Structures are given as structure tokens and as C-alpha cells.
Amino acid sequence: MQFCSKNRTQAYIFPLRKLVEIKSIEPQSGELSERRDYNMKQVIKEAMGDCSTIWEFRFLLCCQECGRTWHSSPVRFSKAGTRPETEGMRAVFRTLYEREREAAREKAAAEASEIFSQCPVCGRLVCDRCFLICEDLDLCTACAEALQVRGDIVAGNVSSSQKNHPETPYDDSTEGDDAK
């Protein structure tokens, strides 16, 4: 069966020799941004490292440009410090732990999506210090340099007094990364 598009709302299906109406499937205005947010959270969730303990849930994400490590806000496990008395309760605690860990992961992905951006050229996740708002297309600093595009950094340089501030949960160590 062959399909030939006549225009955006009509198509001919040749073996049937019949005109078939096809609804336009263009996204609504808010639907596109929701889809983009969902995709970004999925990318972030897949890239996040899990450094949770039995006591609390915590996740990390490294900027693929500068190598800085971001840590999510810790979320305490509701049964931390409580010992299950039976094997049945142990199974309940494991299930509860996994549910709370997934909820904390969602929360961390939402936090990270406010700090990280995905470069549309190279696809890397970079922090706001390494992402530029440019005239035509926002880019990471490496792609902007390679394409000779100028722009403004999303987040300015952080002074040394702010590095350990709780509102900027960055670890400037670059262990295992080939940071510049």
C-alpha cells in the first residue's frame, strides 16, 4: 500500500482510490513545552549518579564541560533508623525504600533541570556556568567557541565565598573527569 500526501490534511491511499481525511497532529502551544520538559528530565535522570545511603537519598550530576559535580538536596528515608522486626517487614521496607528513592530521583531531576541544559549541537549536559544564551540558538561554551558565536553565560562565575553555600550545591572537585 502506498501513501502519498496531498496536503497537510488530506492523503490518498492508492489501492483504495479513496480520499482519506487525516487530522492535523501538530502539538498545542503548551504541549510542546511539556514534552520538551519531560524529555529533559528523562535525559537528566539517565545521566544522574545515585549516591543514596540507607539513611537518605541523594543524586549527583557532572557538567560535561567543566566537570563540576552537582549534588541534589538530601531526602531522608522515612524508615531510617527503624529496624524491621520480621522478614515480612523487611520486604515492606525494601519496597518502601525503592518507592521513596524513585520519588527523590524525580525531585532531583526537577532540581537539576533548573541548573543544567542540554546543548542542541553536541547533546552534552552542561551547567549554567557553561551554557550561553546566544542570539539565534543557545549553546554550550565549547560549541559556541567552535562555531564562533557570542552569547551571555546563563549563570555568572561563583565567588569562593559562595562555593560552599547550601544554595549552590557544587563540588568543584573533578575526580575522574578530564576537566579543563
N, C-alpha and C. Protein backbone atom coordinates (compact mmCIF):
# COMPACT_ATOMS: atom_id res chain seq x y z
N MET A 1 0.85 -1.17 0.00
CA MET A 1 0.00 0.00 0.00
C MET A 1 0.89 1.23 0.00
N GLN A 2 0.65 2.17 -0.88
CA GLN A 2 1.44 3.39 -0.94
C GLN A 2 0.66 4.54 -0.34
N PHE A 3 1.40 5.47 0.23
CA PHE A 3 0.81 6.63 0.86
C PHE A 3 1.39 7.87 0.22
N CYS A 4 0.53 8.75 -0.22
CA CYS A 4 1.01 9.98 -0.86
C CYS A 4 0.28 11.15 -0.24
N SER A 5 1.04 12.08 0.29
CA SER A 5 0.43 13.24 0.94
C SER A 5 0.03 14.27 -0.09
N LYS A 6 -1.25 14.67 -0.06
CA LYS A 6 -1.75 15.70 -0.97
C LYS A 6 -1.50 17.07 -0.36
N ASN A 7 -1.85 17.24 0.89
CA ASN A 7 -1.54 18.45 1.65
C ASN A 7 -1.56 18.07 3.12
N ARG A 8 -1.56 19.04 4.01
CA ARG A 8 -1.46 18.74 5.45
C ARG A 8 -2.66 17.98 6.01
N THR A 9 -3.82 18.09 5.39
CA THR A 9 -4.99 17.46 6.00
C THR A 9 -5.62 16.35 5.16
N GLN A 10 -5.09 16.10 3.96
CA GLN A 10 -5.67 15.06 3.13
C GLN A 10 -4.56 14.17 2.57
N ALA A 11 -4.88 12.91 2.37
CA ALA A 11 -3.91 11.99 1.78
C ALA A 11 -4.64 10.97 0.93
N TYR A 12 -4.02 10.52 -0.13
CA TYR A 12 -4.57 9.46 -0.97
C TYR A 12 -3.90 8.14 -0.61
N ILE A 13 -4.67 7.11 -0.48
CA ILE A 13 -4.15 5.77 -0.32
C ILE A 13 -4.49 5.07 -1.63
N PHE A 14 -3.50 4.82 -2.47
CA PHE A 14 -3.71 4.40 -3.85
C PHE A 14 -4.50 3.12 -4.05
N PRO A 15 -4.23 2.02 -3.35
CA PRO A 15 -5.00 0.80 -3.64
C PRO A 15 -6.50 0.98 -3.43
N LEU A 16 -6.87 1.85 -2.52
CA LEU A 16 -8.29 2.05 -2.25
C LEU A 16 -8.92 3.09 -3.17
N ARG A 17 -8.07 3.92 -3.80
CA ARG A 17 -8.55 5.01 -4.66
C ARG A 17 -9.60 5.85 -3.95
N LYS A 18 -9.27 6.16 -2.71
CA LYS A 18 -10.23 6.87 -1.88
C LYS A 18 -9.51 7.96 -1.12
N LEU A 19 -10.14 9.08 -0.97
CA LEU A 19 -9.58 10.19 -0.22
C LEU A 19 -9.83 9.94 1.26
N VAL A 20 -8.78 10.00 2.04
CA VAL A 20 -8.90 9.77 3.47
C VAL A 20 -8.50 11.05 4.19
N GLU A 21 -9.35 11.53 5.07
CA GLU A 21 -9.05 12.73 5.85
C GLU A 21 -8.14 12.33 7.02
N ILE A 22 -7.10 13.10 7.21
CA ILE A 22 -6.18 12.88 8.33
C ILE A 22 -6.16 14.13 9.17
N LYS A 23 -6.38 13.95 10.46
CA LYS A 23 -6.35 15.09 11.38
C LYS A 23 -4.93 15.62 11.49
N SER A 24 -4.83 16.91 11.64
CA SER A 24 -3.53 17.52 11.87
C SER A 24 -3.08 17.13 13.27
N ILE A 25 -1.84 16.71 13.39
CA ILE A 25 -1.34 16.29 14.71
C ILE A 25 -0.27 17.24 15.22
N GLU A 26 -0.40 18.50 14.89
CA GLU A 26 0.51 19.50 15.41
C GLU A 26 0.23 19.73 16.88
N PRO A 27 1.27 19.83 17.70
CA PRO A 27 1.06 19.99 19.15
C PRO A 27 0.48 21.35 19.50
N GLN A 28 -0.28 21.36 20.58
CA GLN A 28 -0.81 22.61 21.11
C GLN A 28 0.36 23.41 21.68
N SER A 29 0.18 24.68 21.93
CA SER A 29 1.28 25.54 22.37
C SER A 29 1.93 25.06 23.67
N GLY A 30 1.17 24.71 24.68
CA GLY A 30 1.71 24.26 25.96
C GLY A 30 2.22 22.83 25.90
N GLU A 31 1.67 22.05 24.98
CA GLU A 31 2.03 20.64 24.87
C GLU A 31 3.48 20.46 24.45
N LEU A 32 3.98 21.33 23.58
CA LEU A 32 5.35 21.23 23.11
C LEU A 32 6.34 21.48 24.25
N SER A 33 6.09 22.50 25.07
CA SER A 33 6.99 22.78 26.19
C SER A 33 6.92 21.67 27.24
N GLU A 34 5.75 21.07 27.44
CA GLU A 34 5.63 19.96 28.39
C GLU A 34 6.44 18.77 27.90
N ARG A 35 6.37 18.48 26.59
CA ARG A 35 7.12 17.38 26.01
C ARG A 35 8.62 17.64 26.13
N ARG A 36 9.04 18.87 25.90
CA ARG A 36 10.46 19.23 26.00
C ARG A 36 10.94 19.06 27.45
N ASP A 37 10.13 19.51 28.43
CA ASP A 37 10.48 19.36 29.85
C ASP A 37 10.59 17.90 30.24
N TYR A 38 9.64 17.08 29.75
CA TYR A 38 9.65 15.65 30.05
C TYR A 38 10.91 15.00 29.48
N ASN A 39 11.25 15.34 28.23
CA ASN A 39 12.45 14.78 27.61
C ASN A 39 13.71 15.19 28.35
N MET A 40 13.77 16.44 28.78
CA MET A 40 14.94 16.92 29.51
C MET A 40 15.07 16.19 30.84
N LYS A 41 13.97 16.00 31.55
CA LYS A 41 14.02 15.27 32.82
C LYS A 41 14.47 13.83 32.61
N GLN A 42 14.04 13.21 31.51
CA GLN A 42 14.46 11.84 31.22
C GLN A 42 15.96 11.78 30.97
N VAL A 43 16.48 12.73 30.20
CA VAL A 43 17.92 12.79 29.92
C VAL A 43 18.69 12.97 31.23
N ILE A 44 18.21 13.86 32.07
CA ILE A 44 18.87 14.12 33.35
C ILE A 44 18.81 12.88 34.24
N LYS A 45 17.65 12.25 34.33
CA LYS A 45 17.51 11.06 35.18
C LYS A 45 18.46 9.95 34.75
N GLU A 46 18.63 9.79 33.45
CA GLU A 46 19.53 8.76 32.95
C GLU A 46 21.00 9.10 33.22
N ALA A 47 21.32 10.38 33.27
CA ALA A 47 22.71 10.81 33.48
C ALA A 47 23.08 10.93 34.96
N MET A 48 22.09 11.01 35.85
CA MET A 48 22.37 11.21 37.27
C MET A 48 23.01 9.98 37.90
N GLY A 49 23.96 10.24 38.77
CA GLY A 49 24.55 9.18 39.58
C GLY A 49 23.77 9.08 40.88
N ASP A 50 23.73 7.90 41.46
CA ASP A 50 22.99 7.67 42.70
C ASP A 50 23.99 7.49 43.83
N CYS A 51 23.98 8.41 44.78
CA CYS A 51 24.85 8.27 45.95
C CYS A 51 24.01 8.18 47.22
N SER A 52 22.88 7.49 47.11
CA SER A 52 21.98 7.30 48.24
C SER A 52 22.57 6.33 49.24
N THR A 53 22.16 6.49 50.49
CA THR A 53 22.54 5.56 51.55
C THR A 53 21.27 4.96 52.13
N ILE A 54 21.41 4.14 53.14
CA ILE A 54 20.23 3.56 53.79
C ILE A 54 19.46 4.63 54.57
N TRP A 55 20.12 5.75 54.84
CA TRP A 55 19.51 6.82 55.63
C TRP A 55 18.85 7.90 54.78
N GLU A 56 19.46 8.20 53.61
CA GLU A 56 18.93 9.29 52.80
C GLU A 56 19.19 9.04 51.31
N PHE A 57 18.40 9.73 50.50
CA PHE A 57 18.52 9.64 49.05
C PHE A 57 19.21 10.91 48.56
N ARG A 58 20.19 10.70 47.68
CA ARG A 58 20.90 11.85 47.13
C ARG A 58 21.47 11.45 45.78
N PHE A 59 21.45 12.40 44.85
CA PHE A 59 21.89 12.12 43.49
C PHE A 59 22.89 13.18 43.06
N LEU A 60 23.67 12.86 42.04
CA LEU A 60 24.66 13.81 41.55
C LEU A 60 24.65 13.83 40.03
N LEU A 61 25.16 14.93 39.50
CA LEU A 61 25.26 15.11 38.06
C LEU A 61 26.50 15.95 37.80
N CYS A 62 27.29 15.54 36.82
CA CYS A 62 28.52 16.26 36.48
C CYS A 62 28.31 17.05 35.19
N CYS A 63 28.81 18.26 35.20
CA CYS A 63 28.80 19.08 34.00
C CYS A 63 29.79 18.45 33.02
N GLN A 64 29.36 18.23 31.81
CA GLN A 64 30.21 17.58 30.82
C GLN A 64 31.15 18.56 30.13
N GLU A 65 31.14 19.81 30.56
CA GLU A 65 32.08 20.80 30.04
C GLU A 65 33.16 21.10 31.07
N CYS A 66 32.77 21.55 32.27
CA CYS A 66 33.77 21.97 33.27
C CYS A 66 34.08 20.88 34.29
N GLY A 67 33.24 19.85 34.39
CA GLY A 67 33.49 18.75 35.31
C GLY A 67 32.98 18.96 36.72
N ARG A 68 32.37 20.11 36.99
CA ARG A 68 31.82 20.34 38.34
C ARG A 68 30.74 19.31 38.62
N THR A 69 30.68 18.90 39.88
CA THR A 69 29.69 17.92 40.31
C THR A 69 28.61 18.63 41.12
N TRP A 70 27.37 18.43 40.73
CA TRP A 70 26.22 18.99 41.45
C TRP A 70 25.59 17.86 42.25
N HIS A 71 25.21 18.17 43.51
CA HIS A 71 24.52 17.19 44.37
C HIS A 71 23.11 17.68 44.65
N SER A 72 22.16 16.77 44.59
CA SER A 72 20.77 17.13 44.90
C SER A 72 20.61 17.36 46.40
N SER A 73 19.52 17.97 46.76
CA SER A 73 19.20 18.12 48.19
C SER A 73 18.92 16.73 48.75
N PRO A 74 19.43 16.43 49.95
CA PRO A 74 19.18 15.10 50.52
C PRO A 74 17.73 14.95 50.96
N VAL A 75 17.20 13.75 50.77
CA VAL A 75 15.84 13.42 51.20
C VAL A 75 15.96 12.22 52.13
N ARG A 76 15.51 12.36 53.35
CA ARG A 76 15.65 11.30 54.35
C ARG A 76 14.64 10.17 54.09
N PHE A 77 15.11 8.93 54.22
CA PHE A 77 14.24 7.76 54.11
C PHE A 77 13.31 7.74 55.32
N SER A 78 12.02 7.56 55.09
CA SER A 78 11.04 7.66 56.18
C SER A 78 11.25 6.61 57.27
N LYS A 79 11.86 5.49 56.95
CA LYS A 79 12.08 4.44 57.95
C LYS A 79 13.54 4.36 58.40
N ALA A 80 14.31 5.41 58.13
CA ALA A 80 15.72 5.41 58.53
C ALA A 80 15.82 5.28 60.04
N GLY A 81 16.67 4.37 60.49
CA GLY A 81 16.85 4.16 61.93
C GLY A 81 15.88 3.15 62.52
N THR A 82 14.87 2.74 61.76
CA THR A 82 13.90 1.76 62.24
C THR A 82 14.32 0.39 61.74
N ARG A 83 14.37 -0.57 62.67
CA ARG A 83 14.76 -1.93 62.30
C ARG A 83 13.51 -2.77 62.06
N PRO A 84 13.44 -3.41 60.88
CA PRO A 84 12.29 -4.30 60.64
C PRO A 84 12.37 -5.52 61.55
N GLU A 85 11.26 -5.86 62.16
CA GLU A 85 11.26 -6.95 63.15
C GLU A 85 11.11 -8.32 62.52
N THR A 86 10.49 -8.39 61.35
CA THR A 86 10.28 -9.69 60.70
C THR A 86 10.76 -9.63 59.25
N GLU A 87 10.84 -10.80 58.63
CA GLU A 87 11.22 -10.86 57.22
C GLU A 87 10.16 -10.17 56.35
N GLY A 88 8.92 -10.29 56.74
CA GLY A 88 7.83 -9.62 56.01
C GLY A 88 7.97 -8.10 56.07
N MET A 89 8.32 -7.58 57.23
CA MET A 89 8.52 -6.14 57.37
C MET A 89 9.75 -5.68 56.60
N ARG A 90 10.75 -6.54 56.50
CA ARG A 90 11.94 -6.22 55.73
C ARG A 90 11.57 -6.03 54.24
N ALA A 91 10.69 -6.89 53.75
CA ALA A 91 10.22 -6.78 52.36
C ALA A 91 9.43 -5.48 52.17
N VAL A 92 8.62 -5.13 53.17
CA VAL A 92 7.86 -3.88 53.11
C VAL A 92 8.81 -2.69 53.07
N PHE A 93 9.84 -2.72 53.91
CA PHE A 93 10.82 -1.63 53.95
C PHE A 93 11.56 -1.49 52.62
N ARG A 94 11.94 -2.64 52.02
CA ARG A 94 12.63 -2.60 50.72
C ARG A 94 11.75 -1.95 49.66
N THR A 95 10.49 -2.33 49.62
CA THR A 95 9.55 -1.75 48.65
C THR A 95 9.36 -0.27 48.90
N LEU A 96 9.19 0.09 50.16
CA LEU A 96 9.03 1.50 50.53
C LEU A 96 10.27 2.30 50.17
N TYR A 97 11.44 1.70 50.42
CA TYR A 97 12.71 2.36 50.09
C TYR A 97 12.79 2.65 48.58
N GLU A 98 12.45 1.67 47.77
CA GLU A 98 12.52 1.86 46.31
C GLU A 98 11.52 2.93 45.83
N ARG A 99 10.33 2.94 46.42
CA ARG A 99 9.34 3.97 46.05
C ARG A 99 9.82 5.36 46.42
N GLU A 100 10.33 5.50 47.63
CA GLU A 100 10.81 6.81 48.09
C GLU A 100 12.05 7.24 47.31
N ARG A 101 12.89 6.28 46.95
CA ARG A 101 14.08 6.59 46.15
C ARG A 101 13.68 7.10 44.77
N GLU A 102 12.69 6.49 44.16
CA GLU A 102 12.23 6.95 42.84
C GLU A 102 11.60 8.34 42.93
N ALA A 103 10.85 8.60 44.00
CA ALA A 103 10.27 9.94 44.20
C ALA A 103 11.37 10.97 44.40
N ALA A 104 12.41 10.61 45.16
CA ALA A 104 13.54 11.51 45.38
C ALA A 104 14.30 11.74 44.08
N ARG A 105 14.39 10.72 43.25
CA ARG A 105 15.05 10.84 41.94
C ARG A 105 14.29 11.83 41.05
N GLU A 106 12.97 11.75 41.06
CA GLU A 106 12.12 12.69 40.29
C GLU A 106 12.35 14.12 40.78
N LYS A 107 12.39 14.28 42.10
CA LYS A 107 12.61 15.60 42.69
C LYS A 107 13.99 16.13 42.31
N ALA A 108 15.00 15.26 42.35
CA ALA A 108 16.35 15.66 41.98
C ALA A 108 16.44 16.04 40.51
N ALA A 109 15.73 15.31 39.65
CA ALA A 109 15.73 15.63 38.22
C ALA A 109 15.10 17.00 37.99
N ALA A 110 14.05 17.32 38.75
CA ALA A 110 13.42 18.64 38.64
C ALA A 110 14.39 19.73 39.09
N GLU A 111 15.12 19.47 40.18
CA GLU A 111 16.14 20.42 40.67
C GLU A 111 17.22 20.63 39.61
N ALA A 112 17.72 19.53 39.08
CA ALA A 112 18.81 19.59 38.11
C ALA A 112 18.39 20.28 36.82
N SER A 113 17.14 20.14 36.43
CA SER A 113 16.69 20.77 35.18
C SER A 113 16.68 22.30 35.28
N GLU A 114 16.75 22.81 36.51
CA GLU A 114 16.85 24.26 36.71
C GLU A 114 18.30 24.73 36.60
N ILE A 115 19.25 23.81 36.69
CA ILE A 115 20.67 24.15 36.73
C ILE A 115 21.42 23.70 35.47
N PHE A 116 20.94 22.63 34.83
CA PHE A 116 21.62 22.06 33.67
C PHE A 116 20.80 22.28 32.40
N SER A 117 21.51 22.35 31.29
CA SER A 117 20.89 22.46 29.97
C SER A 117 21.57 21.47 29.04
N GLN A 118 20.83 21.04 28.03
CA GLN A 118 21.41 20.15 27.04
C GLN A 118 21.72 20.97 25.79
N CYS A 119 22.96 20.93 25.36
CA CYS A 119 23.38 21.68 24.18
C CYS A 119 22.71 21.06 22.95
N PRO A 120 22.04 21.86 22.12
CA PRO A 120 21.37 21.31 20.95
C PRO A 120 22.33 20.87 19.85
N VAL A 121 23.59 21.28 19.92
CA VAL A 121 24.57 20.91 18.90
C VAL A 121 25.27 19.61 19.26
N CYS A 122 25.91 19.57 20.44
CA CYS A 122 26.68 18.38 20.82
C CYS A 122 25.90 17.41 21.70
N GLY A 123 24.79 17.86 22.30
CA GLY A 123 23.94 16.99 23.12
C GLY A 123 24.42 16.79 24.55
N ARG A 124 25.51 17.47 24.93
CA ARG A 124 26.03 17.29 26.29
C ARG A 124 25.20 18.06 27.30
N LEU A 125 25.16 17.52 28.55
CA LEU A 125 24.52 18.21 29.67
C LEU A 125 25.56 19.11 30.31
N VAL A 126 25.28 20.40 30.35
CA VAL A 126 26.24 21.35 30.93
C VAL A 126 25.53 22.23 31.95
N CYS A 127 26.30 22.68 32.94
CA CYS A 127 25.75 23.55 33.99
C CYS A 127 25.52 24.95 33.41
N ASP A 128 24.83 25.77 34.15
CA ASP A 128 24.52 27.13 33.71
C ASP A 128 25.76 28.00 33.56
N ARG A 129 26.86 27.61 34.19
CA ARG A 129 28.12 28.34 34.04
C ARG A 129 28.76 28.08 32.68
N CYS A 130 28.36 26.99 32.04
CA CYS A 130 28.96 26.58 30.76
C CYS A 130 27.96 26.63 29.61
N PHE A 131 26.84 27.33 29.81
CA PHE A 131 25.81 27.42 28.78
C PHE A 131 25.56 28.88 28.45
N LEU A 132 25.54 29.19 27.17
CA LEU A 132 25.39 30.56 26.71
C LEU A 132 24.03 30.81 26.09
N ILE A 133 23.50 31.99 26.37
CA ILE A 133 22.29 32.45 25.70
C ILE A 133 22.77 33.28 24.52
N CYS A 134 22.56 32.75 23.33
CA CYS A 134 23.06 33.39 22.11
C CYS A 134 21.89 33.99 21.34
N GLU A 135 22.20 34.73 20.30
CA GLU A 135 21.17 35.42 19.54
C GLU A 135 20.21 34.45 18.84
N ASP A 136 20.76 33.46 18.13
CA ASP A 136 19.91 32.55 17.36
C ASP A 136 19.61 31.24 18.08
N LEU A 137 20.62 30.64 18.70
CA LEU A 137 20.47 29.34 19.32
C LEU A 137 21.38 29.27 20.54
N ASP A 138 20.83 28.90 21.70
CA ASP A 138 21.61 28.78 22.92
C ASP A 138 22.51 27.55 22.83
N LEU A 139 23.77 27.70 23.24
CA LEU A 139 24.79 26.66 23.07
C LEU A 139 25.67 26.52 24.29
N CYS A 140 26.35 25.39 24.38
CA CYS A 140 27.39 25.25 25.41
C CYS A 140 28.58 26.10 24.98
N THR A 141 29.45 26.40 25.91
CA THR A 141 30.59 27.28 25.61
C THR A 141 31.52 26.68 24.56
N ALA A 142 31.71 25.36 24.58
CA ALA A 142 32.60 24.72 23.61
C ALA A 142 32.05 24.83 22.19
N CYS A 143 30.77 24.59 22.00
CA CYS A 143 30.17 24.69 20.67
C CYS A 143 30.13 26.14 20.20
N ALA A 144 29.83 27.05 21.13
CA ALA A 144 29.82 28.47 20.77
C ALA A 144 31.20 28.91 20.30
N GLU A 145 32.24 28.45 20.98
CA GLU A 145 33.61 28.80 20.59
C GLU A 145 33.94 28.19 19.22
N ALA A 146 33.58 26.92 19.03
CA ALA A 146 33.87 26.25 17.77
C ALA A 146 33.13 26.89 16.60
N LEU A 147 31.91 27.35 16.85
CA LEU A 147 31.10 27.98 15.80
C LEU A 147 31.30 29.49 15.73
N GLN A 148 32.15 30.00 16.61
CA GLN A 148 32.45 31.43 16.69
C GLN A 148 31.17 32.27 16.90
N VAL A 149 30.40 31.83 17.90
CA VAL A 149 29.15 32.51 18.26
C VAL A 149 29.35 33.13 19.64
N ARG A 150 28.83 34.33 19.82
CA ARG A 150 28.93 35.01 21.12
C ARG A 150 27.59 34.93 21.84
N GLY A 151 27.68 34.95 23.18
CA GLY A 151 26.47 34.93 23.98
C GLY A 151 26.78 35.25 25.42
N ASP A 152 25.74 35.31 26.23
CA ASP A 152 25.88 35.60 27.66
C ASP A 152 25.73 34.30 28.44
N ILE A 153 26.61 34.12 29.43
CA ILE A 153 26.55 32.94 30.29
C ILE A 153 25.26 32.99 31.12
N VAL A 154 24.60 31.85 31.24
CA VAL A 154 23.35 31.79 31.99
C VAL A 154 23.58 32.17 33.45
N ALA A 155 24.60 31.58 34.09
CA ALA A 155 24.93 31.89 35.48
C ALA A 155 26.36 32.40 35.52
N GLY A 156 26.58 33.54 36.18
CA GLY A 156 27.92 34.12 36.27
C GLY A 156 28.83 33.28 37.12
N ASN A 157 30.10 33.68 37.17
CA ASN A 157 31.07 32.98 38.00
C ASN A 157 30.70 33.09 39.46
N VAL A 158 30.92 32.01 40.19
CA VAL A 158 30.60 31.97 41.61
C VAL A 158 31.86 32.30 42.39
N SER A 159 31.75 33.24 43.32
CA SER A 159 32.91 33.60 44.13
C SER A 159 33.22 32.49 45.11
N SER A 160 34.44 32.50 45.65
CA SER A 160 34.85 31.43 46.56
C SER A 160 34.00 31.38 47.82
N SER A 161 33.41 32.51 48.23
CA SER A 161 32.57 32.51 49.43
C SER A 161 31.24 31.80 49.18
N GLN A 162 30.83 31.69 47.90
CA GLN A 162 29.56 31.04 47.58
C GLN A 162 29.72 29.56 47.29
N LYS A 163 30.94 29.06 47.07
CA LYS A 163 31.14 27.68 46.67
C LYS A 163 30.57 26.68 47.66
N ASN A 164 30.64 26.99 48.94
CA ASN A 164 30.14 26.06 49.95
C ASN A 164 28.77 26.44 50.49
N HIS A 165 28.13 27.40 49.86
CA HIS A 165 26.81 27.83 50.29
C HIS A 165 25.78 26.76 49.93
N PRO A 166 24.84 26.44 50.83
CA PRO A 166 23.87 25.38 50.56
C PRO A 166 23.04 25.60 49.30
N GLU A 167 22.85 26.84 48.87
CA GLU A 167 22.03 27.07 47.68
C GLU A 167 22.79 26.78 46.39
N THR A 168 24.09 26.61 46.46
CA THR A 168 24.88 26.25 45.29
C THR A 168 25.61 24.95 45.59
N PRO A 169 24.90 23.81 45.53
CA PRO A 169 25.46 22.53 45.95
C PRO A 169 26.43 21.95 44.92
N TYR A 170 27.53 22.67 44.66
CA TYR A 170 28.54 22.18 43.73
C TYR A 170 29.74 21.68 44.49
N ASP A 171 30.31 20.64 43.97
CA ASP A 171 31.58 20.13 44.46
C ASP A 171 32.55 20.39 43.32
N ASP A 172 33.51 21.29 43.52
CA ASP A 172 34.41 21.68 42.44
C ASP A 172 35.51 20.66 42.17
N SER A 173 35.45 19.52 42.85
CA SER A 173 36.45 18.50 42.55
C SER A 173 36.11 17.87 41.20
N THR A 174 37.12 17.43 40.51
CA THR A 174 36.91 16.87 39.19
C THR A 174 37.52 15.48 39.11
N GLU A 175 37.34 14.70 40.16
CA GLU A 175 37.89 13.36 40.22
C GLU A 175 37.36 12.52 39.07
N GLY A 176 38.27 11.93 38.31
CA GLY A 176 37.87 11.05 37.23
C GLY A 176 37.43 11.77 35.98
N ASP A 177 37.39 13.09 36.00
CA ASP A 177 36.98 13.85 34.83
C ASP A 177 38.21 14.49 34.21
N ASP A 178 38.18 14.71 32.95
CA ASP A 178 39.25 15.43 32.25
C ASP A 178 38.83 16.86 32.09
N ALA A 179 38.68 17.57 33.18
CA ALA A 179 38.21 18.96 33.14
C ALA A 179 39.33 19.87 32.66
N LYS A 180 38.94 20.98 32.09
CA LYS A 180 39.91 21.95 31.60
C LYS A 180 40.47 22.77 32.71
